[in-house]
PDB file of N, CA and C in Angstrom:
ATOM      1  N   MET A   1     -22.400  -6.991 -63.597  1.00  0.00           N
ATOM      2  CA  MET A   1     -23.088  -6.062 -62.839  1.00  0.00           C
ATOM      3  C   MET A   1     -24.114  -4.858 -63.148  1.00  0.00           C
ATOM      4  N   SER A   2     -24.737  -5.386 -64.298  1.00  0.00           N
ATOM      5  CA  SER A   2     -25.793  -4.260 -64.684  1.00  0.00           C
ATOM      6  C   SER A   2     -27.208  -4.397 -64.337  1.00  0.00           C
ATOM      7  N   GLY A   3     -27.235  -6.018 -63.469  1.00  0.00           N
ATOM      8  CA  GLY A   3     -28.961  -6.409 -62.499  1.00  0.00           C
ATOM      9  C   GLY A   3     -28.608  -5.879 -61.334  1.00  0.00           C
ATOM     10  N   LEU A   4     -27.679  -5.202 -60.874  1.00  0.00           N
ATOM     11  CA  LEU A   4     -27.578  -4.733 -59.271  1.00  0.00           C
ATOM     12  C   LEU A   4     -28.165  -3.718 -59.024  1.00  0.00           C
ATOM     13  N   ARG A   5     -28.576  -3.726 -57.858  1.00  0.00           N
ATOM     14  CA  ARG A   5     -29.064  -2.521 -57.533  1.00  0.00           C
ATOM     15  C   ARG A   5     -28.222  -1.548 -57.334  1.00  0.00           C
ATOM     16  N   PRO A   6     -28.112   0.025 -57.275  1.00  0.00           N
ATOM     17  CA  PRO A   6     -27.145   0.855 -57.282  1.00  0.00           C
ATOM     18  C   PRO A   6     -26.896   1.048 -56.018  1.00  0.00           C
ATOM     19  N   ILE A   7     -27.094   0.313 -54.953  1.00  0.00           N
ATOM     20  CA  ILE A   7     -26.509   0.264 -53.375  1.00  0.00           C
ATOM     21  C   ILE A   7     -25.077  -0.734 -53.452  1.00  0.00           C
ATOM     22  N   ALA A   8     -25.694  -1.792 -54.234  1.00  0.00           N
ATOM     23  CA  ALA A   8     -24.994  -3.045 -54.401  1.00  0.00           C
ATOM     24  C   ALA A   8     -23.829  -2.789 -55.572  1.00  0.00           C
ATOM     25  N   VAL A   9     -23.906  -1.891 -56.573  1.00  0.00           N
ATOM     26  CA  VAL A   9     -22.781  -1.251 -57.026  1.00  0.00           C
ATOM     27  C   VAL A   9     -21.953  -0.964 -56.379  1.00  0.00           C
ATOM     28  N   PHE A  10     -22.416   0.636 -55.312  1.00  0.00           N
ATOM     29  CA  PHE A  10     -21.501   1.250 -54.730  1.00  0.00           C
ATOM     30  C   PHE A  10     -20.904   0.353 -53.934  1.00  0.00           C
ATOM     31  N   GLN A  11     -21.400  -0.914 -52.956  1.00  0.00           N
ATOM     32  CA  GLN A  11     -20.703  -1.569 -52.084  1.00  0.00           C
ATOM     33  C   GLN A  11     -19.292  -2.527 -52.972  1.00  0.00           C
ATOM     34  N   VAL A  12     -19.740  -2.787 -54.023  1.00  0.00           N
ATOM     35  CA  VAL A  12     -18.568  -3.251 -55.087  1.00  0.00           C
ATOM     36  C   VAL A  12     -17.315  -2.515 -55.124  1.00  0.00           C
ATOM     37  N   VAL A  13     -17.954  -1.365 -55.672  1.00  0.00           N
ATOM     38  CA  VAL A  13     -16.741  -0.238 -55.902  1.00  0.00           C
ATOM     39  C   VAL A  13     -16.091   0.307 -54.739  1.00  0.00           C
ATOM     40  N   THR A  14     -16.617   0.763 -53.453  1.00  0.00           N
ATOM     41  CA  THR A  14     -15.713   1.058 -52.543  1.00  0.00           C
ATOM     42  C   THR A  14     -14.996   0.388 -52.127  1.00  0.00           C
ATOM     43  N   THR A  15     -15.603  -1.545 -51.601  1.00  0.00           N
ATOM     44  CA  THR A  15     -14.607  -2.606 -51.492  1.00  0.00           C
ATOM     45  C   THR A  15     -13.301  -2.508 -52.199  1.00  0.00           C
ATOM     46  N   ALA A  16     -13.812  -2.677 -53.586  1.00  0.00           N
ATOM     47  CA  ALA A  16     -12.051  -2.237 -54.573  1.00  0.00           C
ATOM     48  C   ALA A  16     -11.252  -1.213 -54.097  1.00  0.00           C
ATOM     49  N   LEU A  17     -11.928  -0.212 -54.084  1.00  0.00           N
ATOM     50  CA  LEU A  17     -11.292   1.190 -53.779  1.00  0.00           C
ATOM     51  C   LEU A  17     -10.228   0.968 -52.360  1.00  0.00           C
ATOM     52  N   PHE A  18     -11.110   0.425 -51.517  1.00  0.00           N
ATOM     53  CA  PHE A  18     -10.618  -0.429 -50.062  1.00  0.00           C
ATOM     54  C   PHE A  18      -9.294  -0.756 -50.047  1.00  0.00           C
ATOM     55  N   ILE A  19      -9.048  -2.029 -51.084  1.00  0.00           N
ATOM     56  CA  ILE A  19      -7.918  -2.398 -50.964  1.00  0.00           C
ATOM     57  C   ILE A  19      -6.920  -2.033 -51.532  1.00  0.00           C
ATOM     58  N   THR A  20      -7.804  -1.489 -52.995  1.00  0.00           N
ATOM     59  CA  THR A  20      -6.407  -0.510 -53.876  1.00  0.00           C
ATOM     60  C   THR A  20      -5.888   0.344 -52.964  1.00  0.00           C
ATOM     61  N   LEU A  21      -6.558   1.513 -52.375  1.00  0.00           N
ATOM     62  CA  LEU A  21      -6.035   2.402 -51.853  1.00  0.00           C
ATOM     63  C   LEU A  21      -4.994   1.894 -50.663  1.00  0.00           C
ATOM     64  N   GLY A  22      -5.177   0.974 -49.794  1.00  0.00           N
ATOM     65  CA  GLY A  22      -4.816   0.579 -48.698  1.00  0.00           C
ATOM     66  C   GLY A  22      -3.240  -0.205 -49.178  1.00  0.00           C
ATOM     67  N   ALA A  23      -3.186  -0.968 -50.179  1.00  0.00           N
ATOM     68  CA  ALA A  23      -1.918  -1.433 -51.324  1.00  0.00           C
ATOM     69  C   ALA A  23      -1.409  -0.303 -51.764  1.00  0.00           C
ATOM     70  N   ALA A  24      -1.673   1.102 -51.998  1.00  0.00           N
ATOM     71  CA  ALA A  24      -1.025   2.011 -52.245  1.00  0.00           C
ATOM     72  C   ALA A  24      -0.454   2.664 -51.076  1.00  0.00           C
ATOM     73  N   ILE A  25      -1.185   2.964 -50.048  1.00  0.00           N
ATOM     74  CA  ILE A  25      -0.171   3.156 -49.088  1.00  0.00           C
ATOM     75  C   ILE A  25       0.457   2.736 -48.296  1.00  0.00           C
ATOM     76  N   LEU A  26       0.794   1.260 -48.360  1.00  0.00           N
ATOM     77  CA  LEU A  26       1.333   0.469 -47.617  1.00  0.00           C
ATOM     78  C   LEU A  26       2.658   0.718 -48.861  1.00  0.00           C
ATOM     79  N   MET A  27       2.506   0.677 -50.248  1.00  0.00           N
ATOM     80  CA  MET A  27       3.520   0.715 -51.256  1.00  0.00           C
ATOM     81  C   MET A  27       4.154   2.043 -50.836  1.00  0.00           C
ATOM     82  N   ARG A  28       3.393   3.325 -50.961  1.00  0.00           N
ATOM     83  CA  ARG A  28       3.922   4.426 -50.534  1.00  0.00           C
ATOM     84  C   ARG A  28       4.665   4.619 -49.762  1.00  0.00           C
ATOM     85  N   SER A  29       4.347   3.974 -48.438  1.00  0.00           N
ATOM     86  CA  SER A  29       5.284   3.927 -46.835  1.00  0.00           C
ATOM     87  C   SER A  29       6.269   3.535 -47.212  1.00  0.00           C
ATOM     88  N   ALA A  30       6.495   2.074 -47.824  1.00  0.00           N
ATOM     89  CA  ALA A  30       7.738   1.065 -47.661  1.00  0.00           C
ATOM     90  C   ALA A  30       8.383   2.324 -48.680  1.00  0.00           C
ATOM     91  N   MET A  31       8.104   3.135 -49.750  1.00  0.00           N
ATOM     92  CA  MET A  31       9.244   3.706 -50.567  1.00  0.00           C
ATOM     93  C   MET A  31       9.281   4.680 -49.817  1.00  0.00           C
ATOM     94  N   ARG A  32       8.985   5.328 -49.010  1.00  0.00           N
ATOM     95  CA  ARG A  32       9.553   6.342 -48.403  1.00  0.00           C
ATOM     96  C   ARG A  32      10.158   6.750 -46.970  1.00  0.00           C
ATOM     97  N   GLY A  33       9.729   5.192 -46.458  1.00  0.00           N
ATOM     98  CA  GLY A  33      10.329   4.817 -45.133  1.00  0.00           C
ATOM     99  C   GLY A  33       9.272   5.688 -44.189  1.00  0.00           C
ATOM    100  N   ALA A  34       8.327   5.794 -44.040  1.00  0.00           N
ATOM    101  CA  ALA A  34       7.270   6.289 -43.286  1.00  0.00           C
ATOM    102  C   ALA A  34       7.074   5.473 -41.907  1.00  0.00           C
ATOM    103  N   PRO A  35       6.686   6.386 -40.864  1.00  0.00           N
ATOM    104  CA  PRO A  35       6.441   5.951 -39.791  1.00  0.00           C
ATOM    105  C   PRO A  35       5.384   4.993 -39.234  1.00  0.00           C
ATOM    106  N   TRP A  36       5.399   3.975 -38.422  1.00  0.00           N
ATOM    107  CA  TRP A  36       4.749   2.967 -38.631  1.00  0.00           C
ATOM    108  C   TRP A  36       2.996   3.231 -38.797  1.00  0.00           C
ATOM    109  N   GLY A  37       2.942   4.353 -38.088  1.00  0.00           N
ATOM    110  CA  GLY A  37       1.414   4.898 -38.645  1.00  0.00           C
ATOM    111  C   GLY A  37       0.642   4.803 -39.516  1.00  0.00           C
ATOM    112  N   SER A  38       1.384   4.991 -40.829  1.00  0.00           N
ATOM    113  CA  SER A  38       1.095   5.363 -42.162  1.00  0.00           C
ATOM    114  C   SER A  38       1.058   3.498 -42.399  1.00  0.00           C
ATOM    115  N   TYR A  39       1.655   2.561 -42.195  1.00  0.00           N
ATOM    116  CA  TYR A  39       1.742   0.959 -42.356  1.00  0.00           C
ATOM    117  C   TYR A  39       0.393   0.705 -42.023  1.00  0.00           C
ATOM    118  N   LEU A  40       0.092   1.092 -40.387  1.00  0.00           N
ATOM    119  CA  LEU A  40      -1.002   0.831 -39.811  1.00  0.00           C
ATOM    120  C   LEU A  40      -2.502   0.954 -40.873  1.00  0.00           C
ATOM    121  N   ILE A  41      -2.269   2.204 -41.091  1.00  0.00           N
ATOM    122  CA  ILE A  41      -3.367   2.658 -41.742  1.00  0.00           C
ATOM    123  C   ILE A  41      -3.567   1.964 -43.206  1.00  0.00           C
ATOM    124  N   GLY A  42      -2.473   1.660 -43.850  1.00  0.00           N
ATOM    125  CA  GLY A  42      -2.668   0.668 -45.054  1.00  0.00           C
ATOM    126  C   GLY A  42      -2.830  -0.643 -44.822  1.00  0.00           C
ATOM    127  N   PHE A  43      -2.577  -0.897 -43.694  1.00  0.00           N
ATOM    128  CA  PHE A  43      -2.993  -1.981 -43.061  1.00  0.00           C
ATOM    129  C   PHE A  43      -4.497  -2.589 -43.087  1.00  0.00           C
ATOM    130  N   LEU A  44      -5.408  -1.023 -42.370  1.00  0.00           N
ATOM    131  CA  LEU A  44      -6.667  -1.328 -41.962  1.00  0.00           C
ATOM    132  C   LEU A  44      -7.373  -0.700 -43.383  1.00  0.00           C
ATOM    133  N   PHE A  45      -7.230  -0.003 -44.504  1.00  0.00           N
ATOM    134  CA  PHE A  45      -7.980  -0.152 -45.193  1.00  0.00           C
ATOM    135  C   PHE A  45      -7.563  -1.657 -45.659  1.00  0.00           C
ATOM    136  N   THR A  46      -6.693  -2.225 -46.254  1.00  0.00           N
ATOM    137  CA  THR A  46      -6.248  -3.624 -47.053  1.00  0.00           C
ATOM    138  C   THR A  46      -7.133  -4.518 -46.210  1.00  0.00           C
ATOM    139  N   GLY A  47      -7.369  -4.263 -45.086  1.00  0.00           N
ATOM    140  CA  GLY A  47      -8.047  -5.602 -44.106  1.00  0.00           C
ATOM    141  C   GLY A  47      -9.445  -5.840 -44.119  1.00  0.00           C
ATOM    142  N   TYR A  48      -9.883  -4.150 -43.681  1.00  0.00           N
ATOM    143  CA  TYR A  48     -11.331  -3.824 -44.052  1.00  0.00           C
ATOM    144  C   TYR A  48     -11.742  -3.967 -45.932  1.00  0.00           C
ATOM    145  N   GLY A  49     -10.951  -3.960 -46.075  1.00  0.00           N
ATOM    146  CA  GLY A  49     -11.312  -4.142 -48.232  1.00  0.00           C
ATOM    147  C   GLY A  49     -11.731  -5.822 -48.046  1.00  0.00           C
ATOM    148  N   ILE A  50     -10.786  -6.140 -47.919  1.00  0.00           N
ATOM    149  CA  ILE A  50     -10.935  -7.845 -47.647  1.00  0.00           C
ATOM    150  C   ILE A  50     -11.679  -8.425 -46.589  1.00  0.00           C
ATOM    151  N   TYR A  51     -12.258  -7.718 -45.598  1.00  0.00           N
ATOM    152  CA  TYR A  51     -13.429  -8.120 -44.991  1.00  0.00           C
ATOM    153  C   TYR A  51     -14.684  -7.878 -45.746  1.00  0.00           C
ATOM    154  N   ARG A  52     -14.655  -6.831 -46.315  1.00  0.00           N
ATOM    155  CA  ARG A  52     -16.041  -6.415 -47.039  1.00  0.00           C
ATOM    156  C   ARG A  52     -16.225  -7.589 -48.088  1.00  0.00           C
ATOM    157  N   ALA A  53     -14.727  -7.363 -48.543  1.00  0.00           N
ATOM    158  CA  ALA A  53     -14.998  -8.333 -49.984  1.00  0.00           C
ATOM    159  C   ALA A  53     -15.823  -9.838 -49.459  1.00  0.00           C
ATOM    160  N   GLY A  54     -15.736 -10.162 -48.675  1.00  0.00           N
ATOM    161  CA  GLY A  54     -15.987 -11.674 -48.291  1.00  0.00           C
ATOM    162  C   GLY A  54     -17.871 -11.496 -48.215  1.00  0.00           C
ATOM    163  N   PHE A  55     -18.311 -10.476 -48.067  1.00  0.00           N
ATOM    164  CA  PHE A  55     -19.858 -10.322 -48.048  1.00  0.00           C
ATOM    165  C   PHE A  55     -20.168  -9.616 -49.463  1.00  0.00           C
ATOM    166  N   VAL A  56     -19.090  -9.248 -50.016  1.00  0.00           N
ATOM    167  CA  VAL A  56     -19.645  -9.046 -51.477  1.00  0.00           C
ATOM    168  C   VAL A  56     -19.393 -10.167 -52.212  1.00  0.00           C
ATOM    169  N   ALA A  57     -18.582 -10.809 -51.834  1.00  0.00           N
ATOM    170  CA  ALA A  57     -18.940 -12.628 -53.009  1.00  0.00           C
ATOM    171  C   ALA A  57     -20.051 -13.251 -52.400  1.00  0.00           C
ATOM    172  N   ARG A  58     -20.531 -13.224 -51.163  1.00  0.00           N
ATOM    173  CA  ARG A  58     -21.386 -14.066 -50.849  1.00  0.00           C
ATOM    174  C   ARG A  58     -22.503 -13.215 -51.427  1.00  0.00           C
ATOM    175  N   ALA A  59     -22.828 -12.455 -51.649  1.00  0.00           N
ATOM    176  CA  ALA A  59     -24.294 -11.441 -51.897  1.00  0.00           C
ATOM    177  C   ALA A  59     -24.040 -11.584 -53.549  1.00  0.00           C
ATOM    178  N   LEU A  60     -23.001 -11.612 -54.256  1.00  0.00           N
ATOM    179  CA  LEU A  60     -23.228 -12.393 -55.668  1.00  0.00           C
ATOM    180  C   LEU A  60     -23.166 -13.141 -55.862  1.00  0.00           C
ATOM    181  N   ARG A  61     -22.807 -14.338 -54.759  1.00  0.00           N
ATOM    182  CA  ARG A  61     -23.436 -15.844 -55.085  1.00  0.00           C
ATOM    183  C   ARG A  61     -24.671 -16.028 -54.846  1.00  0.00           C
ATOM    184  N   GLY A  62     -25.615 -14.969 -53.957  1.00  0.00           N
ATOM    185  CA  GLY A  62     -26.809 -15.488 -53.830  1.00  0.00           C
ATOM    186  C   GLY A  62     -26.916 -16.015 -52.472  1.00  0.00           C
ATOM    187  N   LYS A  63     -26.223 -15.781 -51.342  1.00  0.00           N
ATOM    188  CA  LYS A  63     -26.006 -16.549 -50.051  1.00  0.00           C
ATOM    189  C   LYS A  63     -25.854 -15.252 -49.432  1.00  0.00           C
ATOM    190  N   GLY A  64     -26.891 -14.326 -49.650  1.00  0.00           N
ATOM    191  CA  GLY A  64     -26.540 -12.717 -48.199  1.00  0.00           C
ATOM    192  C   GLY A  64     -27.702 -13.533 -47.329  1.00  0.00           C
ATOM    193  N   GLU A  65     -28.014 -12.374 -46.798  1.00  0.00           N
ATOM    194  CA  GLU A  65     -28.682 -12.398 -45.372  1.00  0.00           C
ATOM    195  C   GLU A  65     -30.115 -12.660 -45.833  1.00  0.00           C
ATOM    196  N   GLY A  66     -30.817 -13.836 -45.236  1.00  0.00           N
ATOM    197  CA  GLY A  66     -31.953 -13.969 -44.989  1.00  0.00           C
ATOM    198  C   GLY A  66     -32.535 -14.910 -46.380  1.00  0.00           C
ATOM    199  N   GLN A  67     -31.157 -15.560 -47.033  1.00  0.00           N
ATOM    200  CA  GLN A  67     -31.668 -16.823 -47.808  1.00  0.00           C
ATOM    201  C   GLN A  67     -31.135 -18.100 -47.913  1.00  0.00           C
TER     202      GLN A  67
END
């Protein structure tokens, strides 16, 4: 990742954090028997991270916008 611009590194890191935090929210909600809103937030975080991961993967393969 050393050849990436700082914004690209930021996007990769935040994408990984969205997925990780979403999974952590889901696991913690399940362990505590939390209300349905907690599960929704966990799924949204995880889903958004997976959505962003597609863009990150495409950009790292060199098939980003305009190419």
